[in-house]
Amino acid sequence: AMGWFRQAAGNEREFVADINWSGGTT
């Protein structure tokens, strides 16, 4: 599975989006 995350300056890392192994679920 793959995920995207982001971290703004001074902030904690936060979840953005994820996708399963086949690409069928986001």
PDB file of all heavy atoms in Angstrom:
ATOM      1  N   ALA A   1       0.849  -1.175   0.000  1.00  0.00           N
ATOM      2  CA  ALA A   1       0.000   0.000   0.000  1.00  0.00           C
ATOM      3  C   ALA A   1       0.895   1.238   0.000  1.00  0.00           C
ATOM      4  O   ALA A   1       2.030   1.195   0.485  1.00  0.00           O
ATOM      5  CB  ALA A   1      -0.905   0.002   1.225  1.00  0.00           C
ATOM      6  N   MET A   2       0.388   2.330  -0.544  1.00  0.00           N
ATOM      7  CA  MET A   2       1.158   3.566  -0.622  1.00  0.00           C
ATOM      8  C   MET A   2       0.395   4.699   0.036  1.00  0.00           C
ATOM      9  O   MET A   2      -0.834   4.751  -0.026  1.00  0.00           O
ATOM     10  CB  MET A   2       1.451   3.937  -2.076  1.00  0.00           C
ATOM     11  CG  MET A   2       2.268   2.911  -2.838  1.00  0.00           C
ATOM     12  SD  MET A   2       3.975   2.790  -2.230  1.00  0.00           S
ATOM     13  CE  MET A   2       4.582   4.449  -2.576  1.00  0.00           C
ATOM     14  N   GLY A   3       1.135   5.595   0.643  1.00  0.00           N
ATOM     15  CA  GLY A   3       0.518   6.744   1.273  1.00  0.00           C
ATOM     16  C   GLY A   3       1.293   8.016   0.983  1.00  0.00           C
ATOM     17  O   GLY A   3       2.495   7.981   0.701  1.00  0.00           O
ATOM     18  N   TRP A   4       0.581   9.129   1.022  1.00  0.00           N
ATOM     19  CA  TRP A   4       1.189  10.448   0.941  1.00  0.00           C
ATOM     20  C   TRP A   4       0.924  11.193   2.247  1.00  0.00           C
ATOM     21  O   TRP A   4      -0.200  11.161   2.764  1.00  0.00           O
ATOM     22  CB  TRP A   4       0.638  11.265  -0.223  1.00  0.00           C
ATOM     23  CG  TRP A   4       1.164  10.860  -1.564  1.00  0.00           C
ATOM     24  CD1 TRP A   4       0.587  10.027  -2.463  1.00  0.00           C
ATOM     25  CD2 TRP A   4       2.395  11.297  -2.158  1.00  0.00           C
ATOM     26  NE1 TRP A   4       1.364   9.912  -3.585  1.00  0.00           N
ATOM     27  CE2 TRP A   4       2.485  10.674  -3.428  1.00  0.00           C
ATOM     28  CE3 TRP A   4       3.428  12.144  -1.756  1.00  0.00           C
ATOM     29  CZ2 TRP A   4       3.565  10.876  -4.289  1.00  0.00           C
ATOM     30  CZ3 TRP A   4       4.502  12.344  -2.607  1.00  0.00           C
ATOM     31  CH2 TRP A   4       4.564  11.718  -3.853  1.00  0.00           C
ATOM     32  N   PHE A   5       1.948  11.860   2.737  1.00  0.00           N
ATOM     33  CA  PHE A   5       1.883  12.614   3.979  1.00  0.00           C
ATOM     34  C   PHE A   5       2.539  13.966   3.770  1.00  0.00           C
ATOM     35  O   PHE A   5       3.274  14.170   2.804  1.00  0.00           O
ATOM     36  CB  PHE A   5       2.583  11.844   5.108  1.00  0.00           C
ATOM     37  CG  PHE A   5       2.016  10.473   5.331  1.00  0.00           C
ATOM     38  CD1 PHE A   5       2.419   9.402   4.546  1.00  0.00           C
ATOM     39  CD2 PHE A   5       1.072  10.255   6.314  1.00  0.00           C
ATOM     40  CE1 PHE A   5       1.882   8.137   4.731  1.00  0.00           C
ATOM     41  CE2 PHE A   5       0.530   8.998   6.511  1.00  0.00           C
ATOM     42  CZ  PHE A   5       0.932   7.938   5.723  1.00  0.00           C
ATOM     43  N   ARG A   6       2.271  14.884   4.674  1.00  0.00           N
ATOM     44  CA  ARG A   6       2.915  16.190   4.571  1.00  0.00           C
ATOM     45  C   ARG A   6       3.225  16.737   5.952  1.00  0.00           C
ATOM     46  O   ARG A   6       2.576  16.394   6.935  1.00  0.00           O
ATOM     47  CB  ARG A   6       2.042  17.175   3.783  1.00  0.00           C
ATOM     48  CG  ARG A   6       0.732  17.546   4.454  1.00  0.00           C
ATOM     49  CD  ARG A   6      -0.131  18.368   3.506  1.00  0.00           C
ATOM     50  NE  ARG A   6      -1.369  18.812   4.122  1.00  0.00           N
ATOM     51  CZ  ARG A   6      -2.336  19.443   3.478  1.00  0.00           C
ATOM     52  NH1 ARG A   6      -2.212  19.708   2.183  1.00  0.00           N
ATOM     53  NH2 ARG A   6      -3.433  19.820   4.125  1.00  0.00           N
ATOM     54  N   GLN A   7       4.226  17.596   5.984  1.00  0.00           N
ATOM     55  CA  GLN A   7       4.635  18.212   7.235  1.00  0.00           C
ATOM     56  C   GLN A   7       4.960  19.674   6.968  1.00  0.00           C
ATOM     57  O   GLN A   7       5.935  19.985   6.278  1.00  0.00           O
ATOM     58  CB  GLN A   7       5.840  17.496   7.841  1.00  0.00           C
ATOM     59  CG  GLN A   7       6.230  18.013   9.205  1.00  0.00           C
ATOM     60  CD  GLN A   7       7.236  17.112   9.898  1.00  0.00           C
ATOM     61  OE1 GLN A   7       7.889  16.285   9.259  1.00  0.00           O
ATOM     62  NE2 GLN A   7       7.354  17.253  11.199  1.00  0.00           N
ATOM     63  N   ALA A   8       4.140  20.558   7.505  1.00  0.00           N
ATOM     64  CA  ALA A   8       4.386  21.990   7.406  1.00  0.00           C
ATOM     65  C   ALA A   8       5.378  22.400   8.478  1.00  0.00           C
ATOM     66  O   ALA A   8       5.524  21.736   9.511  1.00  0.00           O
ATOM     67  CB  ALA A   8       3.085  22.758   7.559  1.00  0.00           C
ATOM     68  N   ALA A   9       6.056  23.506   8.242  1.00  0.00           N
ATOM     69  CA  ALA A   9       7.050  23.997   9.189  1.00  0.00           C
ATOM     70  C   ALA A   9       6.425  24.206  10.562  1.00  0.00           C
ATOM     71  O   ALA A   9       5.401  24.879  10.689  1.00  0.00           O
ATOM     72  CB  ALA A   9       7.656  25.297   8.679  1.00  0.00           C
ATOM     73  N   GLY A  10       7.031  23.609  11.570  1.00  0.00           N
ATOM     74  CA  GLY A  10       6.541  23.750  12.931  1.00  0.00           C
ATOM     75  C   GLY A  10       5.398  22.829  13.297  1.00  0.00           C
ATOM     76  O   GLY A  10       4.949  22.845  14.445  1.00  0.00           O
ATOM     77  N   ASN A  11       4.906  22.040  12.349  1.00  0.00           N
ATOM     78  CA  ASN A  11       3.775  21.140  12.593  1.00  0.00           C
ATOM     79  C   ASN A  11       4.209  19.683  12.566  1.00  0.00           C
ATOM     80  O   ASN A  11       5.299  19.336  12.108  1.00  0.00           O
ATOM     81  CB  ASN A  11       2.683  21.359  11.551  1.00  0.00           C
ATOM     82  CG  ASN A  11       1.986  22.691  11.691  1.00  0.00           C
ATOM     83  OD1 ASN A  11       2.286  23.473  12.592  1.00  0.00           O
ATOM     84  ND2 ASN A  11       1.051  22.954  10.785  1.00  0.00           N
ATOM     85  N   GLU A  12       3.326  18.827  13.054  1.00  0.00           N
ATOM     86  CA  GLU A  12       3.560  17.393  12.976  1.00  0.00           C
ATOM     87  C   GLU A  12       3.193  16.875  11.592  1.00  0.00           C
ATOM     88  O   GLU A  12       2.426  17.491  10.857  1.00  0.00           O
ATOM     89  CB  GLU A  12       2.740  16.664  14.043  1.00  0.00           C
ATOM     90  CG  GLU A  12       3.141  16.983  15.469  1.00  0.00           C
ATOM     91  CD  GLU A  12       2.373  16.169  16.492  1.00  0.00           C
ATOM     92  OE1 GLU A  12       1.465  15.406  16.089  1.00  0.00           O
ATOM     93  OE2 GLU A  12       2.679  16.283  17.682  1.00  0.00           O
ATOM     94  N   ARG A  13       3.735  15.743  11.261  1.00  0.00           N
ATOM     95  CA  ARG A  13       3.399  15.084  10.009  1.00  0.00           C
ATOM     96  C   ARG A  13       1.927  14.686  10.006  1.00  0.00           C
ATOM     97  O   ARG A  13       1.411  14.175  11.002  1.00  0.00           O
ATOM     98  CB  ARG A  13       4.284  13.853   9.824  1.00  0.00           C
ATOM     99  CG  ARG A  13       4.025  13.045   8.561  1.00  0.00           C
ATOM    100  CD  ARG A  13       4.985  11.875   8.487  1.00  0.00           C
ATOM    101  NE  ARG A  13       4.937  11.065   9.695  1.00  0.00           N
ATOM    102  CZ  ARG A  13       5.787  10.099   9.988  1.00  0.00           C
ATOM    103  NH1 ARG A  13       6.783   9.824   9.160  1.00  0.00           N
ATOM    104  NH2 ARG A  13       5.669   9.412  11.110  1.00  0.00           N
ATOM    105  N   GLU A  14       1.242  14.909   8.895  1.00  0.00           N
ATOM    106  CA  GLU A  14      -0.165  14.561   8.808  1.00  0.00           C
ATOM    107  C   GLU A  14      -0.457  13.730   7.564  1.00  0.00           C
ATOM    108  O   GLU A  14       0.214  13.842   6.536  1.00  0.00           O
ATOM    109  CB  GLU A  14      -1.045  15.813   8.824  1.00  0.00           C
ATOM    110  CG  GLU A  14      -0.894  16.708   7.607  1.00  0.00           C
ATOM    111  CD  GLU A  14      -1.879  17.873   7.608  1.00  0.00           C
ATOM    112  OE1 GLU A  14      -2.808  17.874   8.438  1.00  0.00           O
ATOM    113  OE2 GLU A  14      -1.711  18.787   6.772  1.00  0.00           O
ATOM    114  N   PHE A  15      -1.469  12.927   7.678  1.00  0.00           N
ATOM    115  CA  PHE A  15      -1.916  12.078   6.587  1.00  0.00           C
ATOM    116  C   PHE A  15      -2.577  12.898   5.495  1.00  0.00           C
ATOM    117  O   PHE A  15      -3.325  13.837   5.777  1.00  0.00           O
ATOM    118  CB  PHE A  15      -2.900  11.038   7.129  1.00  0.00           C
ATOM    119  CG  PHE A  15      -3.638  10.285   6.069  1.00  0.00           C
ATOM    120  CD1 PHE A  15      -3.044   9.221   5.412  1.00  0.00           C
ATOM    121  CD2 PHE A  15      -4.925  10.639   5.725  1.00  0.00           C
ATOM    122  CE1 PHE A  15      -3.722   8.520   4.435  1.00  0.00           C
ATOM    123  CE2 PHE A  15      -5.620   9.945   4.747  1.00  0.00           C
ATOM    124  CZ  PHE A  15      -5.014   8.891   4.101  1.00  0.00           C
ATOM    125  N   VAL A  16      -2.315  12.528   4.238  1.00  0.00           N
ATOM    126  CA  VAL A  16      -2.934  13.181   3.097  1.00  0.00           C
ATOM    127  C   VAL A  16      -3.836  12.214   2.331  1.00  0.00           C
ATOM    128  O   VAL A  16      -5.015  12.486   2.119  1.00  0.00           O
ATOM    129  CB  VAL A  16      -1.880  13.775   2.144  1.00  0.00           C
ATOM    130  CG1 VAL A  16      -2.545  14.346   0.895  1.00  0.00           C
ATOM    131  CG2 VAL A  16      -1.069  14.848   2.853  1.00  0.00           C
ATOM    132  N   ALA A  17      -3.276  11.082   1.905  1.00  0.00           N
ATOM    133  CA  ALA A  17      -4.032  10.122   1.109  1.00  0.00           C
ATOM    134  C   ALA A  17      -3.319   8.780   1.112  1.00  0.00           C
ATOM    135  O   ALA A  17      -2.110   8.712   1.311  1.00  0.00           O
ATOM    136  CB  ALA A  17      -4.201  10.613  -0.332  1.00  0.00           C
ATOM    137  N   ASP A  18      -4.066   7.707   0.874  1.00  0.00           N
ATOM    138  CA  ASP A  18      -3.444   6.403   0.697  1.00  0.00           C
ATOM    139  C   ASP A  18      -4.183   5.600  -0.359  1.00  0.00           C
ATOM    140  O   ASP A  18      -5.291   5.950  -0.768  1.00  0.00           O
ATOM    141  CB  ASP A  18      -3.300   5.629   2.017  1.00  0.00           C
ATOM    142  CG  ASP A  18      -4.615   5.359   2.730  1.00  0.00           C
ATOM    143  OD1 ASP A  18      -5.665   5.207   2.071  1.00  0.00           O
ATOM    144  OD2 ASP A  18      -4.590   5.275   3.987  1.00  0.00           O
ATOM    145  N   ILE A  19      -3.549   4.522  -0.801  1.00  0.00           N
ATOM    146  CA  ILE A  19      -4.092   3.683  -1.860  1.00  0.00           C
ATOM    147  C   ILE A  19      -3.626   2.256  -1.620  1.00  0.00           C
ATOM    148  O   ILE A  19      -2.488   2.025  -1.220  1.00  0.00           O
ATOM    149  CB  ILE A  19      -3.661   4.212  -3.248  1.00  0.00           C
ATOM    150  CG1 ILE A  19      -4.366   3.450  -4.377  1.00  0.00           C
ATOM    151  CG2 ILE A  19      -2.146   4.136  -3.411  1.00  0.00           C
ATOM    152  CD1 ILE A  19      -4.192   4.136  -5.736  1.00  0.00           C
ATOM    153  N   ASN A  20      -4.505   1.292  -1.858  1.00  0.00           N
ATOM    154  CA  ASN A  20      -4.145  -0.089  -1.595  1.00  0.00           C
ATOM    155  C   ASN A  20      -3.279  -0.657  -2.715  1.00  0.00           C
ATOM    156  O   ASN A  20      -2.989   0.013  -3.706  1.00  0.00           O
ATOM    157  CB  ASN A  20      -5.398  -0.941  -1.362  1.00  0.00           C
ATOM    158  CG  ASN A  20      -6.159  -1.235  -2.650  1.00  0.00           C
ATOM    159  OD1 ASN A  20      -6.112  -0.468  -3.603  1.00  0.00           O
ATOM    160  ND2 ASN A  20      -6.855  -2.362  -2.666  1.00  0.00           N
ATOM    161  N   TRP A  21      -2.886  -1.901  -2.558  1.00  0.00           N
ATOM    162  CA  TRP A  21      -1.913  -2.501  -3.481  1.00  0.00           C
ATOM    163  C   TRP A  21      -2.393  -2.569  -4.922  1.00  0.00           C
ATOM    164  O   TRP A  21      -1.591  -2.465  -5.859  1.00  0.00           O
ATOM    165  CB  TRP A  21      -1.526  -3.904  -3.005  1.00  0.00           C
ATOM    166  CG  TRP A  21      -2.648  -4.902  -3.093  1.00  0.00           C
ATOM    167  CD1 TRP A  21      -3.576  -5.189  -2.140  1.00  0.00           C
ATOM    168  CD2 TRP A  21      -2.946  -5.746  -4.211  1.00  0.00           C
ATOM    169  NE1 TRP A  21      -4.442  -6.156  -2.578  1.00  0.00           N
ATOM    170  CE2 TRP A  21      -4.080  -6.512  -3.850  1.00  0.00           C
ATOM    171  CE3 TRP A  21      -2.379  -5.929  -5.472  1.00  0.00           C
ATOM    172  CZ2 TRP A  21      -4.653  -7.452  -4.706  1.00  0.00           C
ATOM    173  CZ3 TRP A  21      -2.952  -6.863  -6.334  1.00  0.00           C
ATOM    174  CH2 TRP A  21      -4.066  -7.606  -5.945  1.00  0.00           C
ATOM    175  N   SER A  22      -3.689  -2.759  -5.120  1.00  0.00           N
ATOM    176  CA  SER A  22      -4.235  -2.901  -6.468  1.00  0.00           C
ATOM    177  C   SER A  22      -4.641  -1.565  -7.089  1.00  0.00           C
ATOM    178  O   SER A  22      -4.879  -1.495  -8.295  1.00  0.00           O
ATOM    179  CB  SER A  22      -5.442  -3.827  -6.450  1.00  0.00           C
ATOM    180  OG  SER A  22      -6.536  -3.235  -5.775  1.00  0.00           O
ATOM    181  N   GLY A  23      -4.738  -0.534  -6.272  1.00  0.00           N
ATOM    182  CA  GLY A  23      -5.191   0.761  -6.748  1.00  0.00           C
ATOM    183  C   GLY A  23      -6.697   0.929  -6.742  1.00  0.00           C
ATOM    184  O   GLY A  23      -7.200   1.969  -7.177  1.00  0.00           O
ATOM    185  N   GLY A  24      -7.421  -0.068  -6.232  1.00  0.00           N
ATOM    186  CA  GLY A  24      -8.868  -0.023  -6.267  1.00  0.00           C
ATOM    187  C   GLY A  24      -9.523   0.708  -5.113  1.00  0.00           C
ATOM    188  O   GLY A  24     -10.721   0.990  -5.179  1.00  0.00           O
ATOM    189  N   THR A  25      -8.768   0.996  -4.057  1.00  0.00           N
ATOM    190  CA  THR A  25      -9.313   1.650  -2.881  1.00  0.00           C
ATOM    191  C   THR A  25      -8.439   2.824  -2.493  1.00  0.00           C
ATOM    192  O   THR A  25      -7.220   2.678  -2.359  1.00  0.00           O
ATOM    193  CB  THR A  25      -9.417   0.675  -1.699  1.00  0.00           C
ATOM    194  OG1 THR A  25     -10.212  -0.453  -2.078  1.00  0.00           O
ATOM    195  CG2 THR A  25     -10.058   1.355  -0.498  1.00  0.00           C
ATOM    196  N   THR A  26      -9.052   3.978  -2.323  1.00  0.00           N
ATOM    197  CA  THR A  26      -8.323   5.179  -1.911  1.00  0.00           C
ATOM    198  C   THR A  26      -9.012   5.831  -0.725  1.00  0.00           C
ATOM    199  O   THR A  26     -10.205   5.610  -0.479  1.00  0.00           O
ATOM    200  CB  THR A  26      -8.222   6.194  -3.053  1.00  0.00           C
ATOM    201  OG1 THR A  26      -9.537   6.550  -3.494  1.00  0.00           O
ATOM    202  CG2 THR A  26      -7.447   5.611  -4.228  1.00  0.00           C
TER     203      THR A  26
END
